[in-house]
Every structure is written in structure tokens, then in C-alpha cells.
Amino acid sequence: MKKSTKAVVLSLAERCKNILSSNWHSQLHTIKADAKGSKGDIHSSRVKYFFKRGKPYIWIPEGDLHNVNTMIDERGSFSVVHTIPGPLMGLLKSIKKLPPRVALTGDVVPLKDDKVKLAWESLRQAIESEREVILHPSYSVSGVLSSSTIGFKSRSENLLEVLEGNDPYVVYKFDIRFCSYIDINGSIHEVDVDNIAVAKTDPLSPFTEKLIDGINQSQARRRALMLFCFVYLNKCARDAFILSVDRKGFDVLAKMPSVTTKDGLSHYEWKDLRFSFKEEADDIEGFCHKLVEMEEDALKNLSSFSGLALQEGVAS
């Protein structure tokens, strides 16, 4: 059996940046205000945003109360959940776990006219670039994404209605002062904002949702994940889902035996396992190619192991 390699674990700053870069909507909270100033109550609503150069740029409908609140008090908080499509969300709910998420506090600052034009143009360019990849995928990319049931929408395509819709928006930037990462078990980790700014933006971020859904909706690829557990980590998994993807590898949520009772019955628990690539993936095509290579390599190793076991059995 192949020996496992040391897992390359993402830093908290990288995990935060991946979540912020892969999503397109968040929950924004601002302090309610009137002509007399801040009232102390909180107004919350779901808003669309685009993460660029270490900051969220937020599109708020003109009629939203946030526009009034931020004129009096710029302070706000901003929460983003890791994209969890398809059957994975149902699984997390059943085992009483929540998707990882990022919580930010800072200032909601309106953009000046020249900066607004740049924000719109940046969003347009990102949409065009990502649509080209999704609508004209390579063979390896198509093989992974074809199982996805969420259509051909990427992060930026969900923002397309902002560009093409008739609803007017006010554009803001969110200047981050504090950041927290909340993991799948609900533990809170404080993250240095400067580390988020300098962390590399993952090239897979725009396609995270479709990659996760495409793998988890495929029974063959989920069986491959279980095979990875056996071949690379020497662990027997009864079921497995991919939890997150990035340029360095991926996280798997695997159903592992925990204890065996005296009458031979096994009890299981879901564990988060990390699989790392030997080299980073430069883009979505590189990720899909490396995933297929791992599947082929695992099958070869399993065949070799089975052949060796058979030979030893005959010899004995």
C-alpha cells in the first residue's frame, strides 16, 4: 500500500480568503440610524459582493436601509458562509455541524464615482473570464463538472443580474478591521487582517461550488474518495464527501469507524481529512487533471496490493 504524504494544511488566512473569494452573497449588518444619529438597533440583509484585492465590494439596492445607516455610522459587520451545495449541506445538518464561515467587522464606505466605474468594470471582466471556462471546458474539467446539478452558474455568473438587471445599486467597499474564522465544529479563530491581504487568491475560488457539487453528485467519484482514504491514509471509510477544494489539495468528510461493540457492531463518526497535491494546481483544469491522476494512481496501488495479498495467500 502507498505510504501517505504529509498533508499541506491551509493557513487560517488562506481559508478565509478562499471563502470570501468563492462566494457572491453575504449577510451585512449595520446600525440603524435616523436624523438624530445611531439608534443602536441592527439592520441586517443579504447583499451581493465581489471580493477583490483583499476587500469585499458590496452592491446594495438603493432602497435598502443600509444606505441611510452608513451615512450616519459607517460601522458594520459582514458574514460569509463557505459554499456548500447539494447533498453536503444535508449531511452537515444531520450531524449537527455548520459550514465554515468568515465574520468581519469594519467600515462600510461608499465609493467615489471614478472608483464605482472601476468596480463595475472589474466585475464585468471577471464574469466574462469565468464564463469562458465554464461554457467551454476542457475534457478533464467537463468530466468533473458534468455531474453537478446546479447548472452552469459560477460565483460571478450569479452576479450577472447585478450588471444586466434594472435595479439600481449603490457600491461600497468594506474596510476590514477584525476577522474571525469559524470552523466546521463552531470554534472561533481570530485571524490577522494583514495576513488575509497578502494571502494568495486561489485560482479555484470562482468554481468552488460547481467542483464540490460535481464530485459529490457522482457516485463513482465518491467511491474514489473512499479509495483515497484507504490507499493514501490507510483508513477505511464507509462513505465520503468532498468538503472543500483549493490549489494545494482538498478536504474530505469521511465516515470512519469509531468503536466496535462486544457484539461486533461498528459505530461511525464523520472526520475531516486532508489530501494534498505534490504540486499546486494553476487553474481549474490543473485541479481536475490532478484529481483524475490520483484516481488512476489509487486504482493501480489497490491492484498491486490485491495482487500481493493473493500471492501471499497462495504461498501460505
C-alpha atoms as a PDB file:
ATOM      1  CA  MET A   1       0.000   0.000   0.000  1.00  0.00           C
ATOM      2  CA  LYS A   2       1.207   3.513  -0.786  1.00  0.00           C
ATOM      3  CA  LYS A   3       2.548   5.479   2.143  1.00  0.00           C
ATOM      4  CA  SER A   4       0.676   8.673   2.998  1.00  0.00           C
ATOM      5  CA  THR A   5       2.376  12.005   2.432  1.00  0.00           C
ATOM      6  CA  LYS A   6       2.319  14.904   4.831  1.00  0.00           C
ATOM      7  CA  ALA A   7      -0.829  16.952   4.332  1.00  0.00           C
ATOM      8  CA  VAL A   8      -0.325  20.572   3.328  1.00  0.00           C
ATOM      9  CA  VAL A   9      -2.746  22.437   5.580  1.00  0.00           C
ATOM     10  CA  LEU A  10      -4.031  25.860   4.592  1.00  0.00           C
ATOM     11  CA  SER A  11      -3.451  28.740   6.971  1.00  0.00           C
ATOM     12  CA  LEU A  12      -6.484  30.381   8.554  1.00  0.00           C
ATOM     13  CA  ALA A  13      -5.874  33.471   6.404  1.00  0.00           C
ATOM     14  CA  GLU A  14      -5.898  31.322   3.249  1.00  0.00           C
ATOM     15  CA  ARG A  15      -9.107  29.596   4.351  1.00  0.00           C
ATOM     16  CA  CYS A  16     -10.749  32.967   4.982  1.00  0.00           C
ATOM     17  CA  LYS A  17      -9.648  34.346   1.628  1.00  0.00           C
ATOM     18  CA  ASN A  18     -10.895  31.232  -0.181  1.00  0.00           C
ATOM     19  CA  ILE A  19     -14.339  31.567   1.404  1.00  0.00           C
ATOM     20  CA  LEU A  20     -14.528  35.291   0.664  1.00  0.00           C
ATOM     21  CA  SER A  21     -13.336  34.808  -2.925  1.00  0.00           C
ATOM     22  CA  SER A  22     -15.613  31.887  -3.760  1.00  0.00           C
ATOM     23  CA  ASN A  23     -18.901  33.321  -2.549  1.00  0.00           C
ATOM     24  CA  TRP A  24     -21.007  36.130  -4.002  1.00  0.00           C
ATOM     25  CA  HIS A  25     -23.550  36.905  -1.289  1.00  0.00           C
ATOM     26  CA  SER A  26     -23.274  37.680   2.404  1.00  0.00           C
ATOM     27  CA  GLN A  27     -25.189  38.945   5.387  1.00  0.00           C
ATOM     28  CA  LEU A  28     -24.485  42.622   6.075  1.00  0.00           C
ATOM     29  CA  HIS A  29     -25.296  44.208   9.443  1.00  0.00           C
ATOM     30  CA  THR A  30     -25.330  47.971  10.039  1.00  0.00           C
ATOM     31  CA  ILE A  31     -26.503  50.138  12.931  1.00  0.00           C
ATOM     32  CA  LYS A  32     -29.956  51.635  12.427  1.00  0.00           C
ATOM     33  CA  ALA A  33     -29.905  55.422  12.241  1.00  0.00           C
ATOM     34  CA  ASP A  34     -32.166  58.423  11.763  1.00  0.00           C
ATOM     35  CA  ALA A  35     -31.661  62.184  11.643  1.00  0.00           C
ATOM     36  CA  LYS A  36     -30.683  62.176  15.311  1.00  0.00           C
ATOM     37  CA  GLY A  37     -27.889  59.628  14.851  1.00  0.00           C
ATOM     38  CA  SER A  38     -27.361  55.944  15.639  1.00  0.00           C
ATOM     39  CA  LYS A  39     -30.217  54.204  17.417  1.00  0.00           C
ATOM     40  CA  GLY A  40     -28.307  51.102  18.462  1.00  0.00           C
ATOM     41  CA  ASP A  41     -30.569  48.533  16.781  1.00  0.00           C
ATOM     42  CA  ILE A  42     -29.149  46.414  13.984  1.00  0.00           C
ATOM     43  CA  HIS A  43     -30.425  46.203  10.421  1.00  0.00           C
ATOM     44  CA  SER A  44     -29.479  43.022   8.536  1.00  0.00           C
ATOM     45  CA  SER A  45     -29.995  41.959   4.952  1.00  0.00           C
ATOM     46  CA  ARG A  46     -28.463  39.709   2.337  1.00  0.00           C
ATOM     47  CA  VAL A  47     -26.289  41.609  -0.132  1.00  0.00           C
ATOM     48  CA  LYS A  48     -24.186  40.739  -3.182  1.00  0.00           C
ATOM     49  CA  TYR A  49     -20.483  41.398  -3.223  1.00  0.00           C
ATOM     50  CA  PHE A  50     -17.307  40.891  -5.229  1.00  0.00           C
ATOM     51  CA  PHE A  51     -14.035  40.187  -3.435  1.00  0.00           C
ATOM     52  CA  LYS A  52     -11.010  41.899  -4.988  1.00  0.00           C
ATOM     53  CA  ARG A  53      -7.547  42.854  -3.690  1.00  0.00           C
ATOM     54  CA  GLY A  54      -8.329  41.792  -0.147  1.00  0.00           C
ATOM     55  CA  LYS A  55     -11.633  43.671   0.217  1.00  0.00           C
ATOM     56  CA  PRO A  56     -15.320  42.965  -0.391  1.00  0.00           C
ATOM     57  CA  TYR A  57     -17.010  45.409  -2.769  1.00  0.00           C
ATOM     58  CA  ILE A  58     -20.708  45.452  -1.955  1.00  0.00           C
ATOM     59  CA  TRP A  59     -23.704  46.175  -4.211  1.00  0.00           C
ATOM     60  CA  ILE A  60     -26.597  47.437  -2.061  1.00  0.00           C
ATOM     61  CA  PRO A  61     -30.031  48.165  -3.589  1.00  0.00           C
ATOM     62  CA  GLU A  62     -30.904  51.867  -3.442  1.00  0.00           C
ATOM     63  CA  GLY A  63     -33.942  51.262  -1.251  1.00  0.00           C
ATOM     64  CA  ASP A  64     -32.087  49.268   1.415  1.00  0.00           C
ATOM     65  CA  LEU A  65     -31.839  50.855   4.869  1.00  0.00           C
ATOM     66  CA  HIS A  66     -28.058  50.220   4.867  1.00  0.00           C
ATOM     67  CA  ASN A  67     -27.664  53.286   2.642  1.00  0.00           C
ATOM     68  CA  VAL A  68     -29.178  55.521   5.324  1.00  0.00           C
ATOM     69  CA  ASN A  69     -27.401  53.821   8.205  1.00  0.00           C
ATOM     70  CA  THR A  70     -23.920  54.164   6.731  1.00  0.00           C
ATOM     71  CA  MET A  71     -24.396  57.912   6.172  1.00  0.00           C
ATOM     72  CA  ILE A  72     -24.589  58.310   9.960  1.00  0.00           C
ATOM     73  CA  ASP A  73     -22.442  55.420  11.161  1.00  0.00           C
ATOM     74  CA  GLU A  74     -20.085  53.512   8.836  1.00  0.00           C
ATOM     75  CA  ARG A  75     -19.518  50.656  11.255  1.00  0.00           C
ATOM     76  CA  GLY A  76     -20.771  47.293  10.078  1.00  0.00           C
ATOM     77  CA  SER A  77     -20.257  43.546  10.165  1.00  0.00           C
ATOM     78  CA  PHE A  78     -20.132  41.140   7.280  1.00  0.00           C
ATOM     79  CA  SER A  79     -20.551  37.349   7.396  1.00  0.00           C
ATOM     80  CA  VAL A  80     -19.879  34.867   4.591  1.00  0.00           C
ATOM     81  CA  VAL A  81     -20.519  31.106   4.632  1.00  0.00           C
ATOM     82  CA  HIS A  82     -18.402  28.536   2.792  1.00  0.00           C
ATOM     83  CA  THR A  83     -20.249  27.440  -0.351  1.00  0.00           C
ATOM     84  CA  ILE A  84     -21.829  24.058   0.442  1.00  0.00           C
ATOM     85  CA  PRO A  85     -24.020  22.849  -2.460  1.00  0.00           C
ATOM     86  CA  GLY A  86     -26.082  19.716  -2.988  1.00  0.00           C
ATOM     87  CA  PRO A  87     -26.162  16.750  -0.580  1.00  0.00           C
ATOM     88  CA  LEU A  88     -23.289  18.017   1.548  1.00  0.00           C
ATOM     89  CA  MET A  89     -25.454  20.611   3.301  1.00  0.00           C
ATOM     90  CA  GLY A  90     -27.995  17.967   4.280  1.00  0.00           C
ATOM     91  CA  LEU A  91     -25.212  15.816   5.696  1.00  0.00           C
ATOM     92  CA  LEU A  92     -23.773  18.655   7.782  1.00  0.00           C
ATOM     93  CA  LYS A  93     -27.214  19.397   9.237  1.00  0.00           C
ATOM     94  CA  SER A  94     -27.764  15.726  10.071  1.00  0.00           C
ATOM     95  CA  ILE A  95     -24.502  15.541  12.054  1.00  0.00           C
ATOM     96  CA  LYS A  96     -25.170  18.921  13.679  1.00  0.00           C
ATOM     97  CA  LYS A  97     -22.274  20.765  12.047  1.00  0.00           C
ATOM     98  CA  LEU A  98     -22.273  24.105  10.237  1.00  0.00           C
ATOM     99  CA  PRO A  99     -20.296  25.089   7.142  1.00  0.00           C
ATOM    100  CA  PRO A 100     -17.098  27.040   7.888  1.00  0.00           C
ATOM    101  CA  ARG A 101     -17.687  30.789   7.729  1.00  0.00           C
ATOM    102  CA  VAL A 102     -15.941  34.133   7.996  1.00  0.00           C
ATOM    103  CA  ALA A 103     -17.100  37.045  10.161  1.00  0.00           C
ATOM    104  CA  LEU A 104     -15.733  40.527   9.501  1.00  0.00           C
ATOM    105  CA  THR A 105     -16.168  43.819  11.302  1.00  0.00           C
ATOM    106  CA  GLY A 106     -15.164  47.128   9.811  1.00  0.00           C
ATOM    107  CA  ASP A 107     -16.455  50.168   7.940  1.00  0.00           C
ATOM    108  CA  VAL A 108     -18.893  50.294   5.032  1.00  0.00           C
ATOM    109  CA  VAL A 109     -17.536  53.102   2.834  1.00  0.00           C
ATOM    110  CA  PRO A 110     -19.293  54.389  -0.332  1.00  0.00           C
ATOM    111  CA  LEU A 111     -17.122  54.508  -3.452  1.00  0.00           C
ATOM    112  CA  LYS A 112     -16.500  57.717  -5.343  1.00  0.00           C
ATOM    113  CA  ASP A 113     -17.744  57.933  -8.922  1.00  0.00           C
ATOM    114  CA  ASP A 114     -14.433  57.010 -10.575  1.00  0.00           C
ATOM    115  CA  LYS A 115     -13.971  54.023  -8.247  1.00  0.00           C
ATOM    116  CA  VAL A 116     -17.536  52.890  -8.930  1.00  0.00           C
ATOM    117  CA  LYS A 117     -16.779  52.634 -12.660  1.00  0.00           C
ATOM    118  CA  LEU A 118     -13.657  50.594 -11.934  1.00  0.00           C
ATOM    119  CA  ALA A 119     -15.639  48.241  -9.668  1.00  0.00           C
ATOM    120  CA  TRP A 120     -18.274  47.651 -12.352  1.00  0.00           C
ATOM    121  CA  GLU A 121     -15.604  47.036 -14.990  1.00  0.00           C
ATOM    122  CA  SER A 122     -13.671  44.610 -12.754  1.00  0.00           C
ATOM    123  CA  LEU A 123     -16.866  42.660 -12.137  1.00  0.00           C
ATOM    124  CA  ARG A 124     -17.651  42.529 -15.850  1.00  0.00           C
ATOM    125  CA  GLN A 125     -14.178  41.259 -16.735  1.00  0.00           C
ATOM    126  CA  ALA A 126     -14.331  38.555 -14.070  1.00  0.00           C
ATOM    127  CA  ILE A 127     -17.714  37.349 -15.318  1.00  0.00           C
ATOM    128  CA  GLU A 128     -16.519  37.144 -18.921  1.00  0.00           C
ATOM    129  CA  SER A 129     -13.344  35.276 -17.949  1.00  0.00           C
ATOM    130  CA  GLU A 130     -15.119  32.730 -15.755  1.00  0.00           C
ATOM    131  CA  ARG A 131     -17.971  32.128 -18.211  1.00  0.00           C
ATOM    132  CA  GLU A 132     -15.447  31.231 -20.891  1.00  0.00           C
ATOM    133  CA  VAL A 133     -14.018  28.499 -18.661  1.00  0.00           C
ATOM    134  CA  ILE A 134     -17.433  27.124 -17.661  1.00  0.00           C
ATOM    135  CA  LEU A 135     -19.095  27.245 -21.086  1.00  0.00           C
ATOM    136  CA  HIS A 136     -16.089  25.861 -22.980  1.00  0.00           C
ATOM    137  CA  PRO A 137     -14.447  23.441 -20.528  1.00  0.00           C
ATOM    138  CA  SER A 138     -11.580  21.119 -21.348  1.00  0.00           C
ATOM    139  CA  TYR A 139     -12.186  17.364 -21.336  1.00  0.00           C
ATOM    140  CA  SER A 140     -10.890  16.892 -17.769  1.00  0.00           C
ATOM    141  CA  VAL A 141     -12.934  19.820 -16.418  1.00  0.00           C
ATOM    142  CA  SER A 142     -16.090  18.657 -18.174  1.00  0.00           C
ATOM    143  CA  GLY A 143     -15.643  15.170 -16.704  1.00  0.00           C
ATOM    144  CA  VAL A 144     -15.762  16.562 -13.167  1.00  0.00           C
ATOM    145  CA  LEU A 145     -18.385  19.288 -13.639  1.00  0.00           C
ATOM    146  CA  SER A 146     -20.802  17.185 -15.699  1.00  0.00           C
ATOM    147  CA  SER A 147     -22.317  15.606 -12.571  1.00  0.00           C
ATOM    148  CA  SER A 148     -23.169  18.953 -10.997  1.00  0.00           C
ATOM    149  CA  THR A 149     -26.889  19.640 -10.630  1.00  0.00           C
ATOM    150  CA  ILE A 150     -26.604  23.378 -10.004  1.00  0.00           C
ATOM    151  CA  GLY A 151     -26.417  24.354 -13.680  1.00  0.00           C
ATOM    152  CA  PHE A 152     -23.604  26.353 -15.205  1.00  0.00           C
ATOM    153  CA  LYS A 153     -23.574  29.169 -12.691  1.00  0.00           C
ATOM    154  CA  SER A 154     -20.286  30.187 -11.146  1.00  0.00           C
ATOM    155  CA  ARG A 155     -19.788  32.826  -8.476  1.00  0.00           C
ATOM    156  CA  SER A 156     -19.572  35.686 -10.960  1.00  0.00           C
ATOM    157  CA  GLU A 157     -22.460  34.443 -13.082  1.00  0.00           C
ATOM    158  CA  ASN A 158     -24.667  34.789 -10.042  1.00  0.00           C
ATOM    159  CA  LEU A 159     -23.605  38.447 -10.048  1.00  0.00           C
ATOM    160  CA  LEU A 160     -24.544  38.838 -13.709  1.00  0.00           C
ATOM    161  CA  GLU A 161     -28.038  40.009 -12.798  1.00  0.00           C
ATOM    162  CA  VAL A 162     -26.421  42.920 -10.969  1.00  0.00           C
ATOM    163  CA  LEU A 163     -24.872  44.049 -14.248  1.00  0.00           C
ATOM    164  CA  GLU A 164     -27.790  43.248 -16.518  1.00  0.00           C
ATOM    165  CA  GLY A 165     -30.724  43.889 -14.193  1.00  0.00           C
ATOM    166  CA  ASN A 166     -32.778  47.061 -13.983  1.00  0.00           C
ATOM    167  CA  ASP A 167     -32.482  47.553 -10.216  1.00  0.00           C
ATOM    168  CA  PRO A 168     -30.239  50.486  -9.191  1.00  0.00           C
ATOM    169  CA  TYR A 169     -27.416  49.841  -6.718  1.00  0.00           C
ATOM    170  CA  VAL A 170     -25.037  51.836  -4.547  1.00  0.00           C
ATOM    171  CA  VAL A 171     -21.494  50.409  -4.477  1.00  0.00           C
ATOM    172  CA  TYR A 172     -19.423  50.287  -1.283  1.00  0.00           C
ATOM    173  CA  LYS A 173     -16.122  48.854  -0.147  1.00  0.00           C
ATOM    174  CA  PHE A 174     -15.824  47.109   3.193  1.00  0.00           C
ATOM    175  CA  ASP A 175     -12.676  48.162   5.052  1.00  0.00           C
ATOM    176  CA  ILE A 176     -11.875  45.201   7.315  1.00  0.00           C
ATOM    177  CA  ARG A 177     -10.739  45.884  10.893  1.00  0.00           C
ATOM    178  CA  PHE A 178     -11.244  42.452  12.507  1.00  0.00           C
ATOM    179  CA  CYS A 179     -11.674  38.957  11.087  1.00  0.00           C
ATOM    180  CA  SER A 180     -12.764  35.657  12.618  1.00  0.00           C
ATOM    181  CA  TYR A 181     -12.829  32.187  11.088  1.00  0.00           C
ATOM    182  CA  ILE A 182     -15.478  29.796  12.443  1.00  0.00           C
ATOM    183  CA  ASP A 183     -14.640  26.183  11.645  1.00  0.00           C
ATOM    184  CA  ILE A 184     -16.960  23.249  10.990  1.00  0.00           C
ATOM    185  CA  ASN A 185     -17.128  22.459  14.720  1.00  0.00           C
ATOM    186  CA  GLY A 186     -18.112  26.011  15.649  1.00  0.00           C
ATOM    187  CA  SER A 187     -14.738  27.005  17.136  1.00  0.00           C
ATOM    188  CA  ILE A 188     -13.814  30.669  16.593  1.00  0.00           C
ATOM    189  CA  HIS A 189     -10.310  31.649  15.467  1.00  0.00           C
ATOM    190  CA  GLU A 190      -9.092  35.230  15.265  1.00  0.00           C
ATOM    191  CA  VAL A 191      -7.233  35.982  12.019  1.00  0.00           C
ATOM    192  CA  ASP A 192      -4.749  38.777  11.339  1.00  0.00           C
ATOM    193  CA  VAL A 193      -6.274  41.059   8.694  1.00  0.00           C
ATOM    194  CA  ASP A 194      -2.831  41.790   7.222  1.00  0.00           C
ATOM    195  CA  ASN A 195      -2.342  38.068   6.575  1.00  0.00           C
ATOM    196  CA  ILE A 196      -5.559  37.945   4.557  1.00  0.00           C
ATOM    197  CA  ALA A 197      -4.394  40.850   2.424  1.00  0.00           C
ATOM    198  CA  VAL A 198      -1.121  39.134   1.474  1.00  0.00           C
ATOM    199  CA  ALA A 199      -2.521  35.580   1.124  1.00  0.00           C
ATOM    200  CA  LYS A 200      -2.614  34.305  -2.441  1.00  0.00           C
ATOM    201  CA  THR A 201      -6.021  34.356  -4.133  1.00  0.00           C
ATOM    202  CA  ASP A 202      -6.830  30.765  -5.047  1.00  0.00           C
ATOM    203  CA  PRO A 203      -7.482  30.256  -8.792  1.00  0.00           C
ATOM    204  CA  LEU A 204     -10.207  27.698  -7.972  1.00  0.00           C
ATOM    205  CA  SER A 205     -12.281  30.124  -5.908  1.00  0.00           C
ATOM    206  CA  PRO A 206     -14.737  31.141  -8.665  1.00  0.00           C
ATOM    207  CA  PHE A 207     -15.520  27.484  -9.384  1.00  0.00           C
ATOM    208  CA  THR A 208     -15.596  26.046  -5.859  1.00  0.00           C
ATOM    209  CA  GLU A 209     -19.341  25.427  -5.756  1.00  0.00           C
ATOM    210  CA  LYS A 210     -19.500  23.565  -9.059  1.00  0.00           C
ATOM    211  CA  LEU A 211     -16.409  21.480  -8.312  1.00  0.00           C
ATOM    212  CA  ILE A 212     -17.742  20.365  -4.921  1.00  0.00           C
ATOM    213  CA  ASP A 213     -21.190  19.590  -6.302  1.00  0.00           C
ATOM    214  CA  GLY A 214     -19.838  17.839  -9.397  1.00  0.00           C
ATOM    215  CA  ILE A 215     -17.716  15.479  -7.279  1.00  0.00           C
ATOM    216  CA  ASN A 216     -20.307  14.836  -4.572  1.00  0.00           C
ATOM    217  CA  GLN A 217     -23.125  14.127  -7.052  1.00  0.00           C
ATOM    218  CA  SER A 218     -21.027  11.417  -8.735  1.00  0.00           C
ATOM    219  CA  GLN A 219     -21.177   8.011  -7.041  1.00  0.00           C
ATOM    220  CA  ALA A 220     -18.018   6.936  -8.879  1.00  0.00           C
ATOM    221  CA  ARG A 221     -16.037   9.924  -7.610  1.00  0.00           C
ATOM    222  CA  ARG A 222     -17.309   9.484  -4.068  1.00  0.00           C
ATOM    223  CA  ARG A 223     -16.140   5.868  -4.197  1.00  0.00           C
ATOM    224  CA  ALA A 224     -12.788   7.231  -5.359  1.00  0.00           C
ATOM    225  CA  LEU A 225     -12.674   9.439  -2.252  1.00  0.00           C
ATOM    226  CA  MET A 226     -13.169   6.353  -0.094  1.00  0.00           C
ATOM    227  CA  LEU A 227     -10.397   4.669  -2.053  1.00  0.00           C
ATOM    228  CA  PHE A 228      -8.115   7.646  -1.355  1.00  0.00           C
ATOM    229  CA  CYS A 229      -8.712   7.153   2.371  1.00  0.00           C
ATOM    230  CA  PHE A 230      -7.615   3.517   2.111  1.00  0.00           C
ATOM    231  CA  VAL A 231      -4.664   3.848  -0.281  1.00  0.00           C
ATOM    232  CA  TYR A 232      -3.142   7.139   0.892  1.00  0.00           C
ATOM    233  CA  LEU A 233      -4.105   7.262   4.579  1.00  0.00           C
ATOM    234  CA  ASN A 234      -4.631   3.577   5.418  1.00  0.00           C
ATOM    235  CA  LYS A 235      -8.130   4.353   6.684  1.00  0.00           C
ATOM    236  CA  CYS A 236     -11.344   2.512   5.820  1.00  0.00           C
ATOM    237  CA  ALA A 237     -14.186   4.912   5.042  1.00  0.00           C
ATOM    238  CA  ARG A 238     -17.776   3.763   4.644  1.00  0.00           C
ATOM    239  CA  ASP A 239     -18.787   6.951   2.828  1.00  0.00           C
ATOM    240  CA  ALA A 240     -17.129  10.221   1.817  1.00  0.00           C
ATOM    241  CA  PHE A 241     -17.923  13.703   0.510  1.00  0.00           C
ATOM    242  CA  ILE A 242     -15.543  16.381  -0.672  1.00  0.00           C
ATOM    243  CA  LEU A 243     -15.770  19.343   1.696  1.00  0.00           C
ATOM    244  CA  SER A 244     -13.521  21.984   0.121  1.00  0.00           C
ATOM    245  CA  VAL A 245     -11.130  22.388  -2.804  1.00  0.00           C
ATOM    246  CA  ASP A 246      -8.106  24.617  -3.332  1.00  0.00           C
ATOM    247  CA  ARG A 247      -4.920  24.809  -5.375  1.00  0.00           C
ATOM    248  CA  LYS A 248      -2.989  22.748  -2.792  1.00  0.00           C
ATOM    249  CA  GLY A 249      -5.460  19.870  -2.491  1.00  0.00           C
ATOM    250  CA  PHE A 250      -8.843  19.175  -0.941  1.00  0.00           C
ATOM    251  CA  ASP A 251     -10.621  18.287   2.310  1.00  0.00           C
ATOM    252  CA  VAL A 252     -12.835  15.218   2.587  1.00  0.00           C
ATOM    253  CA  LEU A 253     -15.554  14.492   5.133  1.00  0.00           C
ATOM    254  CA  ALA A 254     -15.328  10.708   5.604  1.00  0.00           C
ATOM    255  CA  LYS A 255     -17.485   8.301   7.604  1.00  0.00           C
ATOM    256  CA  MET A 256     -14.991   6.361   9.712  1.00  0.00           C
ATOM    257  CA  PRO A 257     -15.459   3.540  12.253  1.00  0.00           C
ATOM    258  CA  SER A 258     -15.013   4.846  15.790  1.00  0.00           C
ATOM    259  CA  VAL A 259     -15.646   1.911  18.135  1.00  0.00           C
ATOM    260  CA  THR A 260     -16.739  -1.706  17.796  1.00  0.00           C
ATOM    261  CA  THR A 261     -19.036  -3.147  20.438  1.00  0.00           C
ATOM    262  CA  LYS A 262     -18.660  -6.594  22.017  1.00  0.00           C
ATOM    263  CA  ASP A 263     -21.326  -8.000  19.706  1.00  0.00           C
ATOM    264  CA  GLY A 264     -19.308  -6.878  16.654  1.00  0.00           C
ATOM    265  CA  LEU A 265     -21.381  -3.839  15.701  1.00  0.00           C
ATOM    266  CA  SER A 266     -19.419  -0.819  14.496  1.00  0.00           C
ATOM    267  CA  HIS A 267     -20.190   2.799  15.308  1.00  0.00           C
ATOM    268  CA  TYR A 268     -19.169   5.545  12.902  1.00  0.00           C
ATOM    269  CA  GLU A 269     -18.282   9.205  13.032  1.00  0.00           C
ATOM    270  CA  TRP A 270     -17.576  11.787  10.331  1.00  0.00           C
ATOM    271  CA  LYS A 271     -13.984  13.036  10.230  1.00  0.00           C
ATOM    272  CA  ASP A 272     -12.368  15.838   8.246  1.00  0.00           C
ATOM    273  CA  LEU A 273      -9.363  14.501   6.278  1.00  0.00           C
ATOM    274  CA  ARG A 274      -6.851  16.403   4.151  1.00  0.00           C
ATOM    275  CA  PHE A 275      -5.368  15.294   0.804  1.00  0.00           C
ATOM    276  CA  SER A 276      -2.556  17.340  -0.729  1.00  0.00           C
ATOM    277  CA  PHE A 277      -1.162  17.572  -4.245  1.00  0.00           C
ATOM    278  CA  LYS A 278       2.550  17.161  -4.877  1.00  0.00           C
ATOM    279  CA  GLU A 279       2.419  20.452  -6.820  1.00  0.00           C
ATOM    280  CA  GLU A 280      -0.122  23.272  -6.717  1.00  0.00           C
ATOM    281  CA  ALA A 281      -2.863  23.427  -9.349  1.00  0.00           C
ATOM    282  CA  ASP A 282      -2.566  26.550 -11.513  1.00  0.00           C
ATOM    283  CA  ASP A 283      -6.234  26.587 -12.522  1.00  0.00           C
ATOM    284  CA  ILE A 284      -9.423  24.510 -12.595  1.00  0.00           C
ATOM    285  CA  GLU A 285      -8.068  22.352 -15.408  1.00  0.00           C
ATOM    286  CA  GLY A 286      -4.949  21.595 -13.372  1.00  0.00           C
ATOM    287  CA  PHE A 287      -7.074  20.626 -10.356  1.00  0.00           C
ATOM    288  CA  CYS A 288      -9.303  18.279 -12.362  1.00  0.00           C
ATOM    289  CA  HIS A 289      -6.281  16.715 -14.060  1.00  0.00           C
ATOM    290  CA  LYS A 290      -4.575  16.084 -10.706  1.00  0.00           C
ATOM    291  CA  LEU A 291      -7.784  14.592  -9.275  1.00  0.00           C
ATOM    292  CA  VAL A 292      -8.059  12.155 -12.198  1.00  0.00           C
ATOM    293  CA  GLU A 293      -4.375  11.263 -11.809  1.00  0.00           C
ATOM    294  CA  MET A 294      -4.957  10.482  -8.123  1.00  0.00           C
ATOM    295  CA  GLU A 295      -7.906   8.250  -9.034  1.00  0.00           C
ATOM    296  CA  GLU A 296      -5.819   6.316 -11.568  1.00  0.00           C
ATOM    297  CA  ASP A 297      -2.874   6.066  -9.187  1.00  0.00           C
ATOM    298  CA  ALA A 298      -5.073   4.827  -6.337  1.00  0.00           C
ATOM    299  CA  LEU A 299      -6.568   2.120  -8.544  1.00  0.00           C
ATOM    300  CA  LYS A 300      -3.086   0.958  -9.597  1.00  0.00           C
ATOM    301  CA  ASN A 301      -1.951   0.835  -5.973  1.00  0.00           C
ATOM    302  CA  LEU A 302      -5.064  -1.078  -4.963  1.00  0.00           C
ATOM    303  CA  SER A 303      -4.493  -3.604  -7.764  1.00  0.00           C
ATOM    304  CA  SER A 304      -0.871  -4.045  -6.714  1.00  0.00           C
ATOM    305  CA  PHE A 305      -1.890  -4.512  -3.091  1.00  0.00           C
ATOM    306  CA  SER A 306      -4.585  -7.050  -4.023  1.00  0.00           C
ATOM    307  CA  GLY A 307      -2.128  -8.971  -6.211  1.00  0.00           C
ATOM    308  CA  LEU A 308       0.449  -9.082  -3.446  1.00  0.00           C
ATOM    309  CA  ALA A 309      -2.143 -10.276  -0.914  1.00  0.00           C
ATOM    310  CA  LEU A 310      -3.230 -13.024  -3.307  1.00  0.00           C
ATOM    311  CA  GLN A 311       0.366 -14.183  -3.835  1.00  0.00           C
ATOM    312  CA  GLU A 312       0.972 -14.287  -0.084  1.00  0.00           C
ATOM    313  CA  GLY A 313      -2.210 -16.297   0.380  1.00  0.00           C
ATOM    314  CA  VAL A 314      -1.156 -18.879  -2.217  1.00  0.00           C
ATOM    315  CA  ALA A 315       2.352 -19.129  -0.735  1.00  0.00           C
ATOM    316  CA  SER A 316       0.997 -19.801   2.711  1.00  0.00           C
END
